[in-house]
Structure formats: structure tokens, C-alpha cells
């Protein structure tokens, strides 16, 4: 039996969230209202989403490459991956380092948050050439995808090594958090599957396109958002690698998303309306994982986006990121 392989390289974080009416000044102590802890990090969220949404009978092997510290947070992060069916063979435990942590203070009345991120073990995720050779052996049967984001130091080096040595592997990339220094035509041409939100799409365009082109897209977007971002998606699709899946998706929050590829003209997909939005954290990572899992299992891009749209609409009805990601079985019941 031939299996597809999805490898996620990225961050694993432990989120410590405090909810309060007010934020204390320097030297002041204030009584907060509640506290929550959640597992997270874009890498972990994407790996869990991809695995859960592939289903228990899937012919898709989902792996995670990342680092955790030798602490209780690291053990919990790694176990969460295992519980979701993710292969953790290449998740290293660093003996003299803490796991990545995000300390979050949320002002309840305004919803405004303040976030302090300590990279910890994530900051040391810099694979060697020898390690890449181990992770990605030659002559592997079945479709291969690598999911990447910008929450670890070596995203650019990962992409460069893969394109130089394993051209057939589909590089699926979400440039978040956005780093303008990464954006160049040479770099962009190595991406096979690009997923970005509206703001990221405009930021990318500002770096890659002429002032005249950007002015034209911005004008169209102001008049008709769907038409404008559809045109921009088509333009960005022309600039990425044409040899593999060559697909661009622009997500538009509660409005929906637009996808385009070499085999499909730009298409707008409406979001699923949800009456009670509880927490949007993790919705984007779930959408990303949902699309890739479906493509790796042989679905068309149209069906993959429709599936991922349903999956992300379930996520926002629960608190937390990884904890709220549904399974394939839950999606099938929802459908």
C-alpha cells in the first residue's frame, strides 16, 4: 500500500492565559478573574489538524519535526501529538532548554491581549544537512507535502534544501508571522502551495509587484473585495513554482476564501455561518491542515477547500486552538 506523507516543521508552544478587567501598572498587584492553559504553536496546531482531519483509516502518514524542552510542558506537548496520531520520532527533547511558552494577558471588556513569547526550544530548531537527509530519504513512493511557517529560525534554509534536493516534495507555506525580509521573487518561486490571509497577501504584493500593479489591485479590492483578491491570487499563483501543485489560497476571515491553481481558475468559497463564535484561535491552522490533508489523500483543490471551510467553522465554536480541532469523523457528522 502506498502512503502519502505530510511533514510539519515548526513550533510547539505552551500558552498561559490570564483574563482580567485591568492590567496592573509597574509594581502593582491586581486580582485577575480566571486562568487557562492551552497547548499551541502553529506547527503543533497544523500537525494535529492534519492528522485528525485525515481520519483513522487514512493512507496518509503525518510527522512532526520540532523541539521541546525537558519540562512538564514539553511532555504534554509531545503527548498531545501522539494522542492525535502524529509521528513524533523527530520531535527532540532538549535537556538544557525550556519549551516554548506564550504568556497572554487578556483584558475581558475590550478583548485586547498582550502576549510575551519565549521561543525556548523552538529557537534551536535548525536542522543540519545530515538531518534533512534523514528526514527526507530519496525515492519515497506516494505524494509528499511539507508544511512550513515562520515560527522557527530556519524556514528559508528548509525551503532552499528541499527545492535543491527533493524537488518533487510539495512545499506548503504560510508566511506567518510575516517577515518581509523573506519575500523575494527567487524565494517565492520555490513555493508550491501558498496560503495567506488578506493582510499577508497585500504585504506580499507590496514586496513583489510594481507600484502600478499594487495600486490597481488596491483599487479593485476597494470596489469589490472578492474580485480584487481573486485577481491578486491569480497573479501570485503565476509567481510560485509551476511544477507541483502550484496553488494559492487567500483566506478572508468570516467572508470566506479564494483559491486558484494551474488546474483551476480563481474561485470564491463562502464561509459557513456560525451563530456563536467563541474563539477564532487555531481556525487558520485548521483550515491549512484540512486543505493539505485532503490534497494528500487525493481530493481536488475544490473539495479540499470546501472541507477545510467546514472544519474551521467548527473550531471557532470552542475555546483553545489545538483542543478545538475536530476529527474527520466529527466533520462527517457535521456534513
C-alpha atoms as a PDB file:
ATOM      1  CA  UNK A   1       0.000   0.000   0.000  1.00  0.00           C
ATOM      2  CA  UNK A   2       1.359   3.437  -0.992  1.00  0.00           C
ATOM      3  CA  UNK A   3       1.089   6.120   1.675  1.00  0.00           C
ATOM      4  CA  UNK A   4       1.263   9.884   1.317  1.00  0.00           C
ATOM      5  CA  UNK A   5       3.495  11.705   3.771  1.00  0.00           C
ATOM      6  CA  UNK A   6       2.849  15.078   5.396  1.00  0.00           C
ATOM      7  CA  UNK A   7       5.726  16.529   7.423  1.00  0.00           C
ATOM      8  CA  UNK A   8       5.222  19.610   9.598  1.00  0.00           C
ATOM      9  CA  UNK A   9       8.342  21.548  10.586  1.00  0.00           C
ATOM     10  CA  UNK A  10       7.705  24.203  13.193  1.00  0.00           C
ATOM     11  CA  UNK A  11       6.864  25.434  16.651  1.00  0.00           C
ATOM     12  CA  UNK A  12       5.356  23.806  19.727  1.00  0.00           C
ATOM     13  CA  UNK A  13       4.226  26.280  22.393  1.00  0.00           C
ATOM     14  CA  UNK A  14       2.510  26.152  25.745  1.00  0.00           C
ATOM     15  CA  UNK A  15       0.055  29.045  26.231  1.00  0.00           C
ATOM     16  CA  UNK A  16      -0.571  30.524  29.694  1.00  0.00           C
ATOM     17  CA  UNK A  17      -3.622  32.798  29.513  1.00  0.00           C
ATOM     18  CA  UNK A  18      -4.868  35.171  32.229  1.00  0.00           C
ATOM     19  CA  UNK A  19      -8.205  37.009  31.903  1.00  0.00           C
ATOM     20  CA  UNK A  20      -8.528  40.294  33.775  1.00  0.00           C
ATOM     21  CA  UNK A  21     -10.549  43.512  33.884  1.00  0.00           C
ATOM     22  CA  UNK A  22      -7.426  45.643  34.025  1.00  0.00           C
ATOM     23  CA  UNK A  23      -3.677  45.273  33.558  1.00  0.00           C
ATOM     24  CA  UNK A  24      -1.545  46.240  36.591  1.00  0.00           C
ATOM     25  CA  UNK A  25       0.940  49.078  36.388  1.00  0.00           C
ATOM     26  CA  UNK A  26       4.586  48.609  37.337  1.00  0.00           C
ATOM     27  CA  UNK A  27       4.863  47.434  40.962  1.00  0.00           C
ATOM     28  CA  UNK A  28       1.086  46.955  41.278  1.00  0.00           C
ATOM     29  CA  UNK A  29      -0.703  43.689  42.124  1.00  0.00           C
ATOM     30  CA  UNK A  30      -4.158  43.122  40.657  1.00  0.00           C
ATOM     31  CA  UNK A  31      -6.687  40.329  41.166  1.00  0.00           C
ATOM     32  CA  UNK A  32      -7.357  38.563  37.851  1.00  0.00           C
ATOM     33  CA  UNK A  33     -10.615  36.769  37.061  1.00  0.00           C
ATOM     34  CA  UNK A  34      -9.545  33.470  35.522  1.00  0.00           C
ATOM     35  CA  UNK A  35      -6.628  31.486  34.141  1.00  0.00           C
ATOM     36  CA  UNK A  36      -6.342  28.892  31.384  1.00  0.00           C
ATOM     37  CA  UNK A  37      -3.528  26.897  29.840  1.00  0.00           C
ATOM     38  CA  UNK A  38      -3.557  25.560  26.287  1.00  0.00           C
ATOM     39  CA  UNK A  39      -1.187  23.706  24.002  1.00  0.00           C
ATOM     40  CA  UNK A  40      -0.365  25.608  20.835  1.00  0.00           C
ATOM     41  CA  UNK A  41       2.201  26.877  18.383  1.00  0.00           C
ATOM     42  CA  UNK A  42       1.429  26.969  14.670  1.00  0.00           C
ATOM     43  CA  UNK A  43       3.489  23.867  13.988  1.00  0.00           C
ATOM     44  CA  UNK A  44       1.722  21.759  16.615  1.00  0.00           C
ATOM     45  CA  UNK A  45      -1.723  23.065  15.592  1.00  0.00           C
ATOM     46  CA  UNK A  46      -1.070  22.259  11.930  1.00  0.00           C
ATOM     47  CA  UNK A  47       0.235  18.769  12.713  1.00  0.00           C
ATOM     48  CA  UNK A  48      -2.754  17.904  14.921  1.00  0.00           C
ATOM     49  CA  UNK A  49      -5.202  19.351  12.388  1.00  0.00           C
ATOM     50  CA  UNK A  50      -3.631  17.453   9.501  1.00  0.00           C
ATOM     51  CA  UNK A  51      -3.660  14.161  11.387  1.00  0.00           C
ATOM     52  CA  UNK A  52      -7.147  14.434  12.890  1.00  0.00           C
ATOM     53  CA  UNK A  53      -8.670  15.570   9.609  1.00  0.00           C
ATOM     54  CA  UNK A  54      -7.011  12.757   7.668  1.00  0.00           C
ATOM     55  CA  UNK A  55      -9.036  10.180   9.598  1.00  0.00           C
ATOM     56  CA  UNK A  56      -8.140   6.901  11.290  1.00  0.00           C
ATOM     57  CA  UNK A  57      -8.301   4.904   8.034  1.00  0.00           C
ATOM     58  CA  UNK A  58      -6.212   7.382   6.080  1.00  0.00           C
ATOM     59  CA  UNK A  59      -3.363   6.358   3.791  1.00  0.00           C
ATOM     60  CA  UNK A  60      -1.522   9.463   4.949  1.00  0.00           C
ATOM     61  CA  UNK A  61       1.426   9.436   7.370  1.00  0.00           C
ATOM     62  CA  UNK A  62       1.674  12.689   9.382  1.00  0.00           C
ATOM     63  CA  UNK A  63       5.012  13.582  11.052  1.00  0.00           C
ATOM     64  CA  UNK A  64       6.234  16.485  13.170  1.00  0.00           C
ATOM     65  CA  UNK A  65       9.764  17.887  13.252  1.00  0.00           C
ATOM     66  CA  UNK A  66      10.344  20.210  16.188  1.00  0.00           C
ATOM     67  CA  UNK A  67      11.842  20.746  19.633  1.00  0.00           C
ATOM     68  CA  UNK A  68      10.501  20.784  23.181  1.00  0.00           C
ATOM     69  CA  UNK A  69      12.267  21.336  26.486  1.00  0.00           C
ATOM     70  CA  UNK A  70      12.887  18.767  29.185  1.00  0.00           C
ATOM     71  CA  UNK A  71       9.987  20.021  31.309  1.00  0.00           C
ATOM     72  CA  UNK A  72       6.357  19.168  32.036  1.00  0.00           C
ATOM     73  CA  UNK A  73       5.200  21.466  29.208  1.00  0.00           C
ATOM     74  CA  UNK A  74       7.340  19.568  26.703  1.00  0.00           C
ATOM     75  CA  UNK A  75       5.957  16.211  27.813  1.00  0.00           C
ATOM     76  CA  UNK A  76       2.385  17.467  27.466  1.00  0.00           C
ATOM     77  CA  UNK A  77       3.031  18.993  24.028  1.00  0.00           C
ATOM     78  CA  UNK A  78       4.583  15.795  22.703  1.00  0.00           C
ATOM     79  CA  UNK A  79       1.859  13.600  24.186  1.00  0.00           C
ATOM     80  CA  UNK A  80      -0.823  15.744  22.532  1.00  0.00           C
ATOM     81  CA  UNK A  81       0.743  14.955  19.156  1.00  0.00           C
ATOM     82  CA  UNK A  82       0.877  11.240  19.951  1.00  0.00           C
ATOM     83  CA  UNK A  83      -2.764  11.268  21.065  1.00  0.00           C
ATOM     84  CA  UNK A  84      -3.747  12.763  17.711  1.00  0.00           C
ATOM     85  CA  UNK A  85      -1.854  10.142  15.716  1.00  0.00           C
ATOM     86  CA  UNK A  86       1.148  12.281  14.767  1.00  0.00           C
ATOM     87  CA  UNK A  87       4.537  10.559  14.394  1.00  0.00           C
ATOM     88  CA  UNK A  88       6.866  12.259  16.928  1.00  0.00           C
ATOM     89  CA  UNK A  89      10.078  10.401  16.047  1.00  0.00           C
ATOM     90  CA  UNK A  90      11.731  13.694  15.090  1.00  0.00           C
ATOM     91  CA  UNK A  91      10.422  15.828  17.956  1.00  0.00           C
ATOM     92  CA  UNK A  92      13.549  16.319  20.052  1.00  0.00           C
ATOM     93  CA  UNK A  93      13.623  16.918  23.802  1.00  0.00           C
ATOM     94  CA  UNK A  94      16.411  19.393  24.584  1.00  0.00           C
ATOM     95  CA  UNK A  95      17.916  18.738  28.005  1.00  0.00           C
ATOM     96  CA  UNK A  96      19.092  22.260  28.864  1.00  0.00           C
ATOM     97  CA  UNK A  97      16.283  24.298  27.372  1.00  0.00           C
ATOM     98  CA  UNK A  98      12.696  25.187  28.268  1.00  0.00           C
ATOM     99  CA  UNK A  99       9.756  24.530  25.982  1.00  0.00           C
ATOM    100  CA  UNK A 100       8.355  27.446  24.011  1.00  0.00           C
ATOM    101  CA  UNK A 101       5.898  29.473  26.096  1.00  0.00           C
ATOM    102  CA  UNK A 102       3.415  32.258  25.366  1.00  0.00           C
ATOM    103  CA  UNK A 103       2.249  34.299  28.367  1.00  0.00           C
ATOM    104  CA  UNK A 104      -1.007  36.016  27.398  1.00  0.00           C
ATOM    105  CA  UNK A 105      -2.955  38.678  29.299  1.00  0.00           C
ATOM    106  CA  UNK A 106      -6.481  39.312  28.006  1.00  0.00           C
ATOM    107  CA  UNK A 107      -8.494  42.390  29.029  1.00  0.00           C
ATOM    108  CA  UNK A 108     -12.020  40.994  29.122  1.00  0.00           C
ATOM    109  CA  UNK A 109     -14.001  44.136  28.376  1.00  0.00           C
ATOM    110  CA  UNK A 110     -12.030  45.199  25.287  1.00  0.00           C
ATOM    111  CA  UNK A 111     -10.749  41.790  24.244  1.00  0.00           C
ATOM    112  CA  UNK A 112      -7.298  43.332  23.803  1.00  0.00           C
ATOM    113  CA  UNK A 113      -4.433  40.999  24.573  1.00  0.00           C
ATOM    114  CA  UNK A 114      -0.766  41.334  25.459  1.00  0.00           C
ATOM    115  CA  UNK A 115       1.500  38.440  24.559  1.00  0.00           C
ATOM    116  CA  UNK A 116       5.030  37.603  25.664  1.00  0.00           C
ATOM    117  CA  UNK A 117       6.590  34.741  23.700  1.00  0.00           C
ATOM    118  CA  UNK A 118       9.663  32.870  24.862  1.00  0.00           C
ATOM    119  CA  UNK A 119      10.972  30.767  21.960  1.00  0.00           C
ATOM    120  CA  UNK A 120      12.780  28.288  24.198  1.00  0.00           C
ATOM    121  CA  UNK A 121      13.481  25.037  22.360  1.00  0.00           C
ATOM    122  CA  UNK A 122      11.772  26.365  19.204  1.00  0.00           C
ATOM    123  CA  UNK A 123      14.621  28.828  18.808  1.00  0.00           C
ATOM    124  CA  UNK A 124      17.074  25.973  18.357  1.00  0.00           C
ATOM    125  CA  UNK A 125      15.222  24.216  15.537  1.00  0.00           C
ATOM    126  CA  UNK A 126      17.974  24.438  12.915  1.00  0.00           C
ATOM    127  CA  UNK A 127      18.314  21.042  11.171  1.00  0.00           C
ATOM    128  CA  UNK A 128      21.660  20.093   9.624  1.00  0.00           C
ATOM    129  CA  UNK A 129      22.070  18.792   6.062  1.00  0.00           C
ATOM    130  CA  UNK A 130      22.554  15.320   7.505  1.00  0.00           C
ATOM    131  CA  UNK A 131      19.314  15.598   9.439  1.00  0.00           C
ATOM    132  CA  UNK A 132      17.413  16.720   6.336  1.00  0.00           C
ATOM    133  CA  UNK A 133      18.781  13.671   4.516  1.00  0.00           C
ATOM    134  CA  UNK A 134      17.435  11.503   7.348  1.00  0.00           C
ATOM    135  CA  UNK A 135      14.038  13.214   7.441  1.00  0.00           C
ATOM    136  CA  UNK A 136      13.559  13.039   3.676  1.00  0.00           C
ATOM    137  CA  UNK A 137      15.155   9.938   2.144  1.00  0.00           C
ATOM    138  CA  UNK A 138      15.301   9.641  -1.639  1.00  0.00           C
ATOM    139  CA  UNK A 139      12.938   7.558  -3.786  1.00  0.00           C
ATOM    140  CA  UNK A 140       9.934   7.600  -1.441  1.00  0.00           C
ATOM    141  CA  UNK A 141       6.669   6.483  -3.050  1.00  0.00           C
ATOM    142  CA  UNK A 142       3.471   8.474  -2.671  1.00  0.00           C
ATOM    143  CA  UNK A 143       2.724  12.187  -2.567  1.00  0.00           C
ATOM    144  CA  UNK A 144       4.760  14.259  -0.123  1.00  0.00           C
ATOM    145  CA  UNK A 145       3.925  17.599   1.474  1.00  0.00           C
ATOM    146  CA  UNK A 146       5.985  19.680   3.899  1.00  0.00           C
ATOM    147  CA  UNK A 147       4.052  22.280   5.927  1.00  0.00           C
ATOM    148  CA  UNK A 148       6.045  25.351   6.981  1.00  0.00           C
ATOM    149  CA  UNK A 149       5.503  28.681   8.751  1.00  0.00           C
ATOM    150  CA  UNK A 150       7.789  31.344  10.231  1.00  0.00           C
ATOM    151  CA  UNK A 151       7.770  30.312  13.905  1.00  0.00           C
ATOM    152  CA  UNK A 152      11.205  28.686  13.826  1.00  0.00           C
ATOM    153  CA  UNK A 153      14.576  30.137  12.715  1.00  0.00           C
ATOM    154  CA  UNK A 154      15.356  28.095   9.594  1.00  0.00           C
ATOM    155  CA  UNK A 155      12.279  28.337   7.350  1.00  0.00           C
ATOM    156  CA  UNK A 156      14.260  29.752   4.429  1.00  0.00           C
ATOM    157  CA  UNK A 157      17.004  27.131   4.744  1.00  0.00           C
ATOM    158  CA  UNK A 158      14.379  24.360   4.882  1.00  0.00           C
ATOM    159  CA  UNK A 159      12.798  25.577   1.653  1.00  0.00           C
ATOM    160  CA  UNK A 160      16.144  26.007  -0.077  1.00  0.00           C
ATOM    161  CA  UNK A 161      17.318  22.495   0.889  1.00  0.00           C
ATOM    162  CA  UNK A 162      14.056  20.861  -0.192  1.00  0.00           C
ATOM    163  CA  UNK A 163      13.985  22.586  -3.569  1.00  0.00           C
ATOM    164  CA  UNK A 164      17.667  21.845  -4.208  1.00  0.00           C
ATOM    165  CA  UNK A 165      17.470  18.185  -3.190  1.00  0.00           C
ATOM    166  CA  UNK A 166      13.845  16.954  -3.224  1.00  0.00           C
ATOM    167  CA  UNK A 167      12.109  18.891  -5.999  1.00  0.00           C
ATOM    168  CA  UNK A 168       9.014  16.655  -6.093  1.00  0.00           C
ATOM    169  CA  UNK A 169       8.061  17.379  -2.473  1.00  0.00           C
ATOM    170  CA  UNK A 170       5.243  19.936  -2.288  1.00  0.00           C
ATOM    171  CA  UNK A 171       6.213  22.861  -0.056  1.00  0.00           C
ATOM    172  CA  UNK A 172       3.074  24.219   1.646  1.00  0.00           C
ATOM    173  CA  UNK A 173       3.875  27.586   3.216  1.00  0.00           C
ATOM    174  CA  UNK A 174       2.062  30.086   5.399  1.00  0.00           C
ATOM    175  CA  UNK A 175       4.273  33.194   5.876  1.00  0.00           C
ATOM    176  CA  UNK A 176       3.156  33.854   9.450  1.00  0.00           C
ATOM    177  CA  UNK A 177       4.302  35.697  11.450  1.00  0.00           C
ATOM    178  CA  UNK A 178       5.027  37.853   8.423  1.00  0.00           C
ATOM    179  CA  UNK A 179       8.706  38.568   7.777  1.00  0.00           C
ATOM    180  CA  UNK A 180       9.216  40.988   4.865  1.00  0.00           C
ATOM    181  CA  UNK A 181      12.909  40.097   4.592  1.00  0.00           C
ATOM    182  CA  UNK A 182      11.863  36.634   3.351  1.00  0.00           C
ATOM    183  CA  UNK A 183       9.932  37.974   0.365  1.00  0.00           C
ATOM    184  CA  UNK A 184      11.770  37.927  -2.939  1.00  0.00           C
ATOM    185  CA  UNK A 185      10.950  36.574  -6.392  1.00  0.00           C
ATOM    186  CA  UNK A 186      13.684  33.946  -6.134  1.00  0.00           C
ATOM    187  CA  UNK A 187      12.366  32.700  -2.785  1.00  0.00           C
ATOM    188  CA  UNK A 188       8.744  32.844  -3.923  1.00  0.00           C
ATOM    189  CA  UNK A 189       9.402  30.694  -6.984  1.00  0.00           C
ATOM    190  CA  UNK A 190      10.265  27.761  -4.683  1.00  0.00           C
ATOM    191  CA  UNK A 191       6.831  27.622  -3.028  1.00  0.00           C
ATOM    192  CA  UNK A 192       4.338  25.028  -4.301  1.00  0.00           C
ATOM    193  CA  UNK A 193       1.313  25.769  -2.137  1.00  0.00           C
ATOM    194  CA  UNK A 194       0.828  29.208  -0.596  1.00  0.00           C
ATOM    195  CA  UNK A 195      -1.854  30.043   1.971  1.00  0.00           C
ATOM    196  CA  UNK A 196      -2.155  33.630   3.199  1.00  0.00           C
ATOM    197  CA  UNK A 197      -4.758  35.942   4.704  1.00  0.00           C
ATOM    198  CA  UNK A 198      -5.814  39.285   3.230  1.00  0.00           C
ATOM    199  CA  UNK A 199      -3.248  41.361   5.077  1.00  0.00           C
ATOM    200  CA  UNK A 200      -0.414  38.983   4.239  1.00  0.00           C
ATOM    201  CA  UNK A 201      -1.486  38.929   0.580  1.00  0.00           C
ATOM    202  CA  UNK A 202      -1.259  42.725   0.359  1.00  0.00           C
ATOM    203  CA  UNK A 203       2.082  42.741   2.204  1.00  0.00           C
ATOM    204  CA  UNK A 204       3.495  40.123  -0.179  1.00  0.00           C
ATOM    205  CA  UNK A 205       2.214  42.075  -3.170  1.00  0.00           C
ATOM    206  CA  UNK A 206       3.868  45.258  -1.907  1.00  0.00           C
ATOM    207  CA  UNK A 207       7.225  43.462  -1.960  1.00  0.00           C
ATOM    208  CA  UNK A 208       6.888  41.549  -5.241  1.00  0.00           C
ATOM    209  CA  UNK A 209       4.807  43.765  -7.538  1.00  0.00           C
ATOM    210  CA  UNK A 210       5.302  47.226  -9.019  1.00  0.00           C
ATOM    211  CA  UNK A 211       3.679  50.317  -7.521  1.00  0.00           C
ATOM    212  CA  UNK A 212       1.391  50.486 -10.559  1.00  0.00           C
ATOM    213  CA  UNK A 213       0.256  46.879 -10.117  1.00  0.00           C
ATOM    214  CA  UNK A 214      -0.341  47.349  -6.391  1.00  0.00           C
ATOM    215  CA  UNK A 215      -2.368  50.497  -6.991  1.00  0.00           C
ATOM    216  CA  UNK A 216      -4.543  48.620  -9.486  1.00  0.00           C
ATOM    217  CA  UNK A 217      -5.178  45.698  -7.107  1.00  0.00           C
ATOM    218  CA  UNK A 218      -5.934  48.010  -4.170  1.00  0.00           C
ATOM    219  CA  UNK A 219      -8.407  49.981  -6.272  1.00  0.00           C
ATOM    220  CA  UNK A 220     -10.233  46.822  -7.357  1.00  0.00           C
ATOM    221  CA  UNK A 221     -10.296  45.456  -3.802  1.00  0.00           C
ATOM    222  CA  UNK A 222     -11.954  48.647  -2.514  1.00  0.00           C
ATOM    223  CA  UNK A 223     -14.687  48.301  -5.152  1.00  0.00           C
ATOM    224  CA  UNK A 224     -15.135  44.525  -4.939  1.00  0.00           C
ATOM    225  CA  UNK A 225     -13.167  42.539  -2.377  1.00  0.00           C
ATOM    226  CA  UNK A 226     -13.757  39.134  -3.945  1.00  0.00           C
ATOM    227  CA  UNK A 227     -12.860  40.274  -7.450  1.00  0.00           C
ATOM    228  CA  UNK A 228      -9.781  42.138  -6.243  1.00  0.00           C
ATOM    229  CA  UNK A 229      -8.341  39.305  -4.182  1.00  0.00           C
ATOM    230  CA  UNK A 230      -9.230  36.805  -6.931  1.00  0.00           C
ATOM    231  CA  UNK A 231      -7.119  38.823  -9.362  1.00  0.00           C
ATOM    232  CA  UNK A 232      -4.308  39.052  -6.807  1.00  0.00           C
ATOM    233  CA  UNK A 233      -4.443  35.291  -6.145  1.00  0.00           C
ATOM    234  CA  UNK A 234      -4.078  34.636  -9.880  1.00  0.00           C
ATOM    235  CA  UNK A 235      -1.090  36.973 -10.035  1.00  0.00           C
ATOM    236  CA  UNK A 236       0.660  35.348  -7.068  1.00  0.00           C
ATOM    237  CA  UNK A 237      -0.053  31.883  -8.492  1.00  0.00           C
ATOM    238  CA  UNK A 238       1.876  32.838 -11.625  1.00  0.00           C
ATOM    239  CA  UNK A 239       4.911  33.632  -9.456  1.00  0.00           C
ATOM    240  CA  UNK A 240       5.202  30.409  -7.440  1.00  0.00           C
ATOM    241  CA  UNK A 241       6.693  27.098  -8.601  1.00  0.00           C
ATOM    242  CA  UNK A 242       4.714  25.786 -11.626  1.00  0.00           C
ATOM    243  CA  UNK A 243       5.951  22.185 -11.433  1.00  0.00           C
ATOM    244  CA  UNK A 244       3.998  20.710  -8.487  1.00  0.00           C
ATOM    245  CA  UNK A 245       0.536  21.579  -7.068  1.00  0.00           C
ATOM    246  CA  UNK A 246       1.094  25.309  -7.789  1.00  0.00           C
ATOM    247  CA  UNK A 247      -1.811  26.521  -5.658  1.00  0.00           C
ATOM    248  CA  UNK A 248      -2.598  29.795  -3.861  1.00  0.00           C
ATOM    249  CA  UNK A 249      -5.315  30.326  -1.259  1.00  0.00           C
ATOM    250  CA  UNK A 250      -6.222  33.712   0.218  1.00  0.00           C
ATOM    251  CA  UNK A 251      -8.393  33.493   3.336  1.00  0.00           C
ATOM    252  CA  UNK A 252     -10.818  36.342   4.031  1.00  0.00           C
ATOM    253  CA  UNK A 253     -11.969  35.691   7.601  1.00  0.00           C
ATOM    254  CA  UNK A 254     -15.731  35.454   8.055  1.00  0.00           C
ATOM    255  CA  UNK A 255     -16.297  36.193   4.357  1.00  0.00           C
ATOM    256  CA  UNK A 256     -14.668  33.029   3.020  1.00  0.00           C
ATOM    257  CA  UNK A 257     -11.637  32.220   0.883  1.00  0.00           C
ATOM    258  CA  UNK A 258     -10.334  32.285  -2.679  1.00  0.00           C
ATOM    259  CA  UNK A 259      -8.274  29.557  -4.301  1.00  0.00           C
ATOM    260  CA  UNK A 260      -6.523  29.245  -7.624  1.00  0.00           C
ATOM    261  CA  UNK A 261      -4.115  26.748  -9.172  1.00  0.00           C
ATOM    262  CA  UNK A 262      -2.687  25.766 -12.527  1.00  0.00           C
ATOM    263  CA  UNK A 263      -5.668  23.417 -12.956  1.00  0.00           C
ATOM    264  CA  UNK A 264      -8.416  25.637 -11.523  1.00  0.00           C
ATOM    265  CA  UNK A 265      -9.324  29.257 -12.159  1.00  0.00           C
ATOM    266  CA  UNK A 266      -9.760  31.551  -9.149  1.00  0.00           C
ATOM    267  CA  UNK A 267     -12.846  30.531  -7.178  1.00  0.00           C
ATOM    268  CA  UNK A 268     -14.515  32.113  -4.171  1.00  0.00           C
ATOM    269  CA  UNK A 269     -15.840  29.829  -1.399  1.00  0.00           C
ATOM    270  CA  UNK A 270     -18.167  31.330   1.205  1.00  0.00           C
ATOM    271  CA  UNK A 271     -17.559  30.681   4.876  1.00  0.00           C
ATOM    272  CA  UNK A 272     -20.012  28.643   6.946  1.00  0.00           C
ATOM    273  CA  UNK A 273     -22.053  30.993   9.092  1.00  0.00           C
ATOM    274  CA  UNK A 274     -21.741  30.307  12.825  1.00  0.00           C
ATOM    275  CA  UNK A 275     -24.207  31.700  15.348  1.00  0.00           C
ATOM    276  CA  UNK A 276     -21.900  31.620  18.364  1.00  0.00           C
ATOM    277  CA  UNK A 277     -18.231  32.415  17.748  1.00  0.00           C
ATOM    278  CA  UNK A 278     -16.315  31.538  20.923  1.00  0.00           C
ATOM    279  CA  UNK A 279     -12.629  31.679  19.925  1.00  0.00           C
ATOM    280  CA  UNK A 280     -11.066  32.069  16.464  1.00  0.00           C
ATOM    281  CA  UNK A 281      -7.629  30.878  17.643  1.00  0.00           C
ATOM    282  CA  UNK A 282      -6.444  27.961  15.551  1.00  0.00           C
ATOM    283  CA  UNK A 283      -9.024  28.385  12.784  1.00  0.00           C
ATOM    284  CA  UNK A 284      -6.375  29.314  10.212  1.00  0.00           C
ATOM    285  CA  UNK A 285      -4.093  26.422  11.177  1.00  0.00           C
ATOM    286  CA  UNK A 286      -7.044  24.028  10.985  1.00  0.00           C
ATOM    287  CA  UNK A 287      -8.001  25.331   7.546  1.00  0.00           C
ATOM    288  CA  UNK A 288      -4.392  24.872   6.368  1.00  0.00           C
ATOM    289  CA  UNK A 289      -4.194  21.346   7.767  1.00  0.00           C
ATOM    290  CA  UNK A 290      -7.589  20.480   6.326  1.00  0.00           C
ATOM    291  CA  UNK A 291      -6.636  21.500   2.798  1.00  0.00           C
ATOM    292  CA  UNK A 292      -3.279  19.710   2.830  1.00  0.00           C
ATOM    293  CA  UNK A 293      -4.723  16.531   4.357  1.00  0.00           C
ATOM    294  CA  UNK A 294      -7.345  16.357   1.633  1.00  0.00           C
ATOM    295  CA  UNK A 295      -4.885  17.041  -1.189  1.00  0.00           C
ATOM    296  CA  UNK A 296      -2.526  14.375   0.157  1.00  0.00           C
ATOM    297  CA  UNK A 297      -5.429  11.916   0.216  1.00  0.00           C
ATOM    298  CA  UNK A 298      -6.232  12.584  -3.436  1.00  0.00           C
ATOM    299  CA  UNK A 299      -9.008  15.204  -3.286  1.00  0.00           C
ATOM    300  CA  UNK A 300      -9.303  18.036  -5.774  1.00  0.00           C
ATOM    301  CA  UNK A 301      -8.476  21.552  -4.610  1.00  0.00           C
ATOM    302  CA  UNK A 302     -12.181  22.469  -4.818  1.00  0.00           C
ATOM    303  CA  UNK A 303     -13.224  19.656  -2.468  1.00  0.00           C
ATOM    304  CA  UNK A 304     -10.233  20.270  -0.192  1.00  0.00           C
ATOM    305  CA  UNK A 305     -11.158  23.935   0.356  1.00  0.00           C
ATOM    306  CA  UNK A 306     -14.826  23.120   0.940  1.00  0.00           C
ATOM    307  CA  UNK A 307     -13.808  20.502   3.526  1.00  0.00           C
ATOM    308  CA  UNK A 308     -11.360  22.844   5.282  1.00  0.00           C
ATOM    309  CA  UNK A 309     -14.029  25.567   5.421  1.00  0.00           C
ATOM    310  CA  UNK A 310     -16.355  23.218   7.307  1.00  0.00           C
ATOM    311  CA  UNK A 311     -13.537  22.155   9.654  1.00  0.00           C
ATOM    312  CA  UNK A 312     -12.533  25.709  10.577  1.00  0.00           C
ATOM    313  CA  UNK A 313     -16.163  26.657  11.245  1.00  0.00           C
ATOM    314  CA  UNK A 314     -16.269  24.004  13.983  1.00  0.00           C
ATOM    315  CA  UNK A 315     -13.030  25.221  15.578  1.00  0.00           C
ATOM    316  CA  UNK A 316     -14.317  28.730  16.278  1.00  0.00           C
ATOM    317  CA  UNK A 317     -17.226  27.382  18.332  1.00  0.00           C
ATOM    318  CA  UNK A 318     -14.891  26.155  21.108  1.00  0.00           C
ATOM    319  CA  UNK A 319     -12.143  27.624  23.299  1.00  0.00           C
ATOM    320  CA  UNK A 320      -8.487  26.926  22.658  1.00  0.00           C
ATOM    321  CA  UNK A 321      -6.587  26.118  19.487  1.00  0.00           C
ATOM    322  CA  UNK A 322      -5.399  22.508  19.347  1.00  0.00           C
ATOM    323  CA  UNK A 323      -8.114  21.332  21.761  1.00  0.00           C
ATOM    324  CA  UNK A 324     -10.886  22.564  19.451  1.00  0.00           C
ATOM    325  CA  UNK A 325      -9.627  20.949  16.232  1.00  0.00           C
ATOM    326  CA  UNK A 326     -12.209  18.367  15.068  1.00  0.00           C
ATOM    327  CA  UNK A 327     -11.619  14.868  13.718  1.00  0.00           C
ATOM    328  CA  UNK A 328     -12.662  13.628  10.294  1.00  0.00           C
ATOM    329  CA  UNK A 329     -15.475  11.675  11.932  1.00  0.00           C
ATOM    330  CA  UNK A 330     -16.833  14.871  13.544  1.00  0.00           C
ATOM    331  CA  UNK A 331     -16.701  16.663  10.201  1.00  0.00           C
ATOM    332  CA  UNK A 332     -18.618  13.846   8.507  1.00  0.00           C
ATOM    333  CA  UNK A 333     -21.344  14.100  11.169  1.00  0.00           C
ATOM    334  CA  UNK A 334     -21.466  17.862  10.675  1.00  0.00           C
ATOM    335  CA  UNK A 335     -21.802  17.480   6.900  1.00  0.00           C
END
